[in-house]
Amino acid sequence: MWLGQPAREEPQPRLLVVDDEEAICFSMSEYFSLHGYKVDTAREMDEAEKLLDTSEYKVVIQDLRLSLTTKSDGLEMIRSIRAHNPQTRIIVLTAYGSAEVEDEARRCGADAFLRKPKPLSQVAQIVQGLIESPPRSSSMGHARPA
């Protein structure tokens, strides 16, 4: 029996996972999909940029090293996301972490920096925390007039 409009559900938060390792993209996609997220994955920077141009993501979980030849492509991607999607939260998940790299990633705009391997449950806690807290610098000149 149909009684009026169905209850409106909150839209699923969108996540983008960017990692050159297929196993990581797959496991994160499976885990977060089961926990109520809409997940897209990309294995290289060009693919990620196309997705970022067409969809709005609450959180991007990305590796720093997206190719064997360049170490800085992950930092470039952080800068690009920050410039075009200032409300998107960015989590760096990398096996190549050092204090210097973490500082540089945070200067570029990363909200969190995690070292692989990290249990998916811990990554999920950080994702949820970032979604629930306001972006740290929402007054970067992108505020809408009242």
C-alpha atoms as a PDB file:
ATOM      1  CA  MET A   1       0.000   0.000   0.000  1.00  0.00           C
ATOM      2  CA  TRP A   2       1.416   3.353  -1.040  1.00  0.00           C
ATOM      3  CA  LEU A   3       1.008   6.186   1.444  1.00  0.00           C
ATOM      4  CA  GLY A   4       2.430   9.403   0.013  1.00  0.00           C
ATOM      5  CA  GLN A   5       6.064  10.283  -0.462  1.00  0.00           C
ATOM      6  CA  PRO A   6       8.825   7.929   0.666  1.00  0.00           C
ATOM      7  CA  ALA A   7      10.962   9.248   3.500  1.00  0.00           C
ATOM      8  CA  ARG A   8      13.850  11.302   2.157  1.00  0.00           C
ATOM      9  CA  GLU A   9      17.148   9.666   2.911  1.00  0.00           C
ATOM     10  CA  GLU A  10      20.381  11.524   3.426  1.00  0.00           C
ATOM     11  CA  PRO A  11      22.461  11.203   0.270  1.00  0.00           C
ATOM     12  CA  GLN A  12      25.385   8.830   0.564  1.00  0.00           C
ATOM     13  CA  PRO A  13      28.638  10.679   1.220  1.00  0.00           C
ATOM     14  CA  ARG A  14      30.909  10.397  -1.829  1.00  0.00           C
ATOM     15  CA  LEU A  15      34.492   9.233  -1.450  1.00  0.00           C
ATOM     16  CA  LEU A  16      37.267   9.100  -3.994  1.00  0.00           C
ATOM     17  CA  VAL A  17      40.109   6.630  -3.434  1.00  0.00           C
ATOM     18  CA  VAL A  18      43.241   7.317  -5.489  1.00  0.00           C
ATOM     19  CA  ASP A  19      45.965   4.689  -5.339  1.00  0.00           C
ATOM     20  CA  ASP A  20      48.057   2.983  -7.998  1.00  0.00           C
ATOM     21  CA  GLU A  21      47.616  -0.355  -6.205  1.00  0.00           C
ATOM     22  CA  GLU A  22      44.469  -2.054  -7.465  1.00  0.00           C
ATOM     23  CA  ALA A  23      44.139  -4.132  -4.270  1.00  0.00           C
ATOM     24  CA  ILE A  24      43.936  -0.989  -2.142  1.00  0.00           C
ATOM     25  CA  CYS A  25      41.335   0.629  -4.397  1.00  0.00           C
ATOM     26  CA  PHE A  26      39.288  -2.577  -4.368  1.00  0.00           C
ATOM     27  CA  SER A  27      39.413  -3.191  -0.613  1.00  0.00           C
ATOM     28  CA  MET A  28      38.606   0.425   0.252  1.00  0.00           C
ATOM     29  CA  SER A  29      35.770   0.519  -2.266  1.00  0.00           C
ATOM     30  CA  GLU A  30      34.281  -2.682  -0.838  1.00  0.00           C
ATOM     31  CA  TYR A  31      34.682  -1.585   2.794  1.00  0.00           C
ATOM     32  CA  PHE A  32      33.294   1.924   2.429  1.00  0.00           C
ATOM     33  CA  SER A  33      30.453   0.821   0.110  1.00  0.00           C
ATOM     34  CA  LEU A  34      29.332  -1.639   2.787  1.00  0.00           C
ATOM     35  CA  HIS A  35      29.370   1.225   5.288  1.00  0.00           C
ATOM     36  CA  GLY A  36      27.037   3.495   3.321  1.00  0.00           C
ATOM     37  CA  TYR A  37      29.403   5.505   1.145  1.00  0.00           C
ATOM     38  CA  LYS A  38      29.356   6.027  -2.606  1.00  0.00           C
ATOM     39  CA  VAL A  39      32.918   5.222  -3.680  1.00  0.00           C
ATOM     40  CA  ASP A  40      34.811   5.975  -6.863  1.00  0.00           C
ATOM     41  CA  THR A  41      38.383   4.854  -7.415  1.00  0.00           C
ATOM     42  CA  ALA A  42      41.214   6.052  -9.631  1.00  0.00           C
ATOM     43  CA  ARG A  43      44.636   4.521 -10.198  1.00  0.00           C
ATOM     44  CA  GLU A  44      46.333   7.559 -11.708  1.00  0.00           C
ATOM     45  CA  MET A  45      46.211  11.321 -11.480  1.00  0.00           C
ATOM     46  CA  ASP A  46      44.523  11.966 -14.856  1.00  0.00           C
ATOM     47  CA  GLU A  47      41.691   9.595 -14.003  1.00  0.00           C
ATOM     48  CA  ALA A  48      41.274  11.203 -10.557  1.00  0.00           C
ATOM     49  CA  GLU A  49      41.177  14.704 -12.041  1.00  0.00           C
ATOM     50  CA  LYS A  50      38.410  13.707 -14.466  1.00  0.00           C
ATOM     51  CA  LEU A  51      36.344  12.310 -11.587  1.00  0.00           C
ATOM     52  CA  LEU A  52      36.965  15.438  -9.499  1.00  0.00           C
ATOM     53  CA  ASP A  53      35.761  17.593 -12.405  1.00  0.00           C
ATOM     54  CA  THR A  54      32.470  15.715 -12.695  1.00  0.00           C
ATOM     55  CA  SER A  55      31.604  14.824  -9.072  1.00  0.00           C
ATOM     56  CA  GLU A  56      31.732  16.476  -5.693  1.00  0.00           C
ATOM     57  CA  TYR A  57      33.463  14.387  -3.028  1.00  0.00           C
ATOM     58  CA  LYS A  58      33.254  14.768   0.735  1.00  0.00           C
ATOM     59  CA  VAL A  59      36.619  13.039   1.176  1.00  0.00           C
ATOM     60  CA  VAL A  60      39.500  12.007  -1.065  1.00  0.00           C
ATOM     61  CA  ILE A  61      41.774   9.248   0.238  1.00  0.00           C
ATOM     62  CA  GLN A  62      44.943   9.330  -1.807  1.00  0.00           C
ATOM     63  CA  ASP A  63      48.404   7.893  -2.008  1.00  0.00           C
ATOM     64  CA  LEU A  64      51.320  10.282  -2.500  1.00  0.00           C
ATOM     65  CA  ARG A  65      53.133   8.161  -5.040  1.00  0.00           C
ATOM     66  CA  LEU A  66      50.836   7.525  -7.986  1.00  0.00           C
ATOM     67  CA  SER A  67      53.542   6.434 -10.371  1.00  0.00           C
ATOM     68  CA  LEU A  68      56.958   4.880 -10.126  1.00  0.00           C
ATOM     69  CA  THR A  69      58.589   7.853 -11.831  1.00  0.00           C
ATOM     70  CA  THR A  70      57.315  10.803  -9.827  1.00  0.00           C
ATOM     71  CA  LYS A  71      57.188  11.331  -6.102  1.00  0.00           C
ATOM     72  CA  SER A  72      55.456  14.708  -6.288  1.00  0.00           C
ATOM     73  CA  ASP A  73      52.310  13.833  -8.252  1.00  0.00           C
ATOM     74  CA  GLY A  74      50.395  13.202  -5.015  1.00  0.00           C
ATOM     75  CA  LEU A  75      51.336  16.646  -3.725  1.00  0.00           C
ATOM     76  CA  GLU A  76      50.251  18.184  -7.042  1.00  0.00           C
ATOM     77  CA  MET A  77      46.913  16.439  -6.673  1.00  0.00           C
ATOM     78  CA  ILE A  78      46.429  17.806  -3.137  1.00  0.00           C
ATOM     79  CA  ARG A  79      47.045  21.337  -4.447  1.00  0.00           C
ATOM     80  CA  SER A  80      44.647  20.797  -7.345  1.00  0.00           C
ATOM     81  CA  ILE A  81      41.867  19.438  -5.118  1.00  0.00           C
ATOM     82  CA  ARG A  82      42.334  22.291  -2.657  1.00  0.00           C
ATOM     83  CA  ALA A  83      42.197  24.885  -5.459  1.00  0.00           C
ATOM     84  CA  HIS A  84      39.093  23.498  -7.208  1.00  0.00           C
ATOM     85  CA  ASN A  85      37.197  21.763  -4.397  1.00  0.00           C
ATOM     86  CA  PRO A  86      38.002  23.707  -1.197  1.00  0.00           C
ATOM     87  CA  GLN A  87      35.338  21.892   0.869  1.00  0.00           C
ATOM     88  CA  THR A  88      36.665  18.411   0.031  1.00  0.00           C
ATOM     89  CA  ARG A  89      38.622  16.809   2.860  1.00  0.00           C
ATOM     90  CA  ILE A  90      41.894  15.101   1.909  1.00  0.00           C
ATOM     91  CA  ILE A  91      43.468  12.094   3.592  1.00  0.00           C
ATOM     92  CA  VAL A  92      46.938  11.024   2.504  1.00  0.00           C
ATOM     93  CA  LEU A  93      47.549   7.299   2.950  1.00  0.00           C
ATOM     94  CA  THR A  94      51.088   6.366   1.990  1.00  0.00           C
ATOM     95  CA  ALA A  95      53.874   3.903   2.656  1.00  0.00           C
ATOM     96  CA  TYR A  96      56.435   6.594   1.846  1.00  0.00           C
ATOM     97  CA  GLY A  97      55.854   8.867   4.805  1.00  0.00           C
ATOM     98  CA  SER A  98      58.418  10.952   6.630  1.00  0.00           C
ATOM     99  CA  ALA A  99      58.033  14.001   8.857  1.00  0.00           C
ATOM    100  CA  GLU A 100      59.175  16.223   5.976  1.00  0.00           C
ATOM    101  CA  VAL A 101      56.745  14.668   3.513  1.00  0.00           C
ATOM    102  CA  GLU A 102      53.901  14.935   6.024  1.00  0.00           C
ATOM    103  CA  ASP A 103      54.675  18.626   6.631  1.00  0.00           C
ATOM    104  CA  GLU A 104      54.732  19.280   2.877  1.00  0.00           C
ATOM    105  CA  ALA A 105      51.434  17.413   2.349  1.00  0.00           C
ATOM    106  CA  ARG A 106      49.785  19.428   5.128  1.00  0.00           C
ATOM    107  CA  ARG A 107      51.138  22.687   3.661  1.00  0.00           C
ATOM    108  CA  CYS A 108      49.587  21.681   0.324  1.00  0.00           C
ATOM    109  CA  GLY A 109      46.212  21.194   2.038  1.00  0.00           C
ATOM    110  CA  ALA A 110      45.974  17.610   3.334  1.00  0.00           C
ATOM    111  CA  ASP A 111      43.665  17.266   6.350  1.00  0.00           C
ATOM    112  CA  ALA A 112      45.145  13.974   7.612  1.00  0.00           C
ATOM    113  CA  PHE A 113      48.305  11.967   6.951  1.00  0.00           C
ATOM    114  CA  LEU A 114      48.317   8.204   7.559  1.00  0.00           C
ATOM    115  CA  ARG A 115      50.997   5.622   7.025  1.00  0.00           C
ATOM    116  CA  LYS A 116      50.289   2.285   5.336  1.00  0.00           C
ATOM    117  CA  PRO A 117      49.356  -0.251   6.411  1.00  0.00           C
ATOM    118  CA  LYS A 118      46.409   1.155   8.360  1.00  0.00           C
ATOM    119  CA  PRO A 119      43.317  -0.872   9.347  1.00  0.00           C
ATOM    120  CA  LEU A 120      40.280   0.174   7.323  1.00  0.00           C
ATOM    121  CA  SER A 121      38.318   0.705  10.536  1.00  0.00           C
ATOM    122  CA  GLN A 122      40.825   3.381  11.597  1.00  0.00           C
ATOM    123  CA  VAL A 123      40.695   5.033   8.173  1.00  0.00           C
ATOM    124  CA  ALA A 124      36.880   5.011   8.436  1.00  0.00           C
ATOM    125  CA  GLN A 125      37.012   6.750  11.836  1.00  0.00           C
ATOM    126  CA  ILE A 126      39.146   9.521  10.360  1.00  0.00           C
ATOM    127  CA  VAL A 127      36.856   9.841   7.313  1.00  0.00           C
ATOM    128  CA  GLN A 128      33.800  10.162   9.575  1.00  0.00           C
ATOM    129  CA  GLY A 129      35.562  12.681  11.809  1.00  0.00           C
ATOM    130  CA  LEU A 130      36.495  14.858   8.844  1.00  0.00           C
ATOM    131  CA  ILE A 131      32.974  14.719   7.404  1.00  0.00           C
ATOM    132  CA  GLU A 132      31.516  15.791  10.756  1.00  0.00           C
ATOM    133  CA  SER A 133      33.989  18.629  11.385  1.00  0.00           C
ATOM    134  CA  PRO A 134      34.091  21.811   9.315  1.00  0.00           C
ATOM    135  CA  PRO A 135      37.009  22.364   6.934  1.00  0.00           C
ATOM    136  CA  ARG A 136      39.852  24.117   8.737  1.00  0.00           C
ATOM    137  CA  SER A 137      40.016  27.114   6.415  1.00  0.00           C
ATOM    138  CA  SER A 138      36.602  27.670   4.927  1.00  0.00           C
ATOM    139  CA  SER A 139      37.348  31.407   4.659  1.00  0.00           C
ATOM    140  CA  MET A 140      39.894  31.011   1.843  1.00  0.00           C
ATOM    141  CA  GLY A 141      38.072  33.544  -0.294  1.00  0.00           C
ATOM    142  CA  HIS A 142      35.501  30.979  -1.388  1.00  0.00           C
ATOM    143  CA  ALA A 143      32.745  32.130   0.921  1.00  0.00           C
ATOM    144  CA  ARG A 144      29.472  32.852  -0.791  1.00  0.00           C
ATOM    145  CA  PRO A 145      27.950  36.287  -0.296  1.00  0.00           C
ATOM    146  CA  ALA A 146      25.012  36.360   2.094  1.00  0.00           C
END
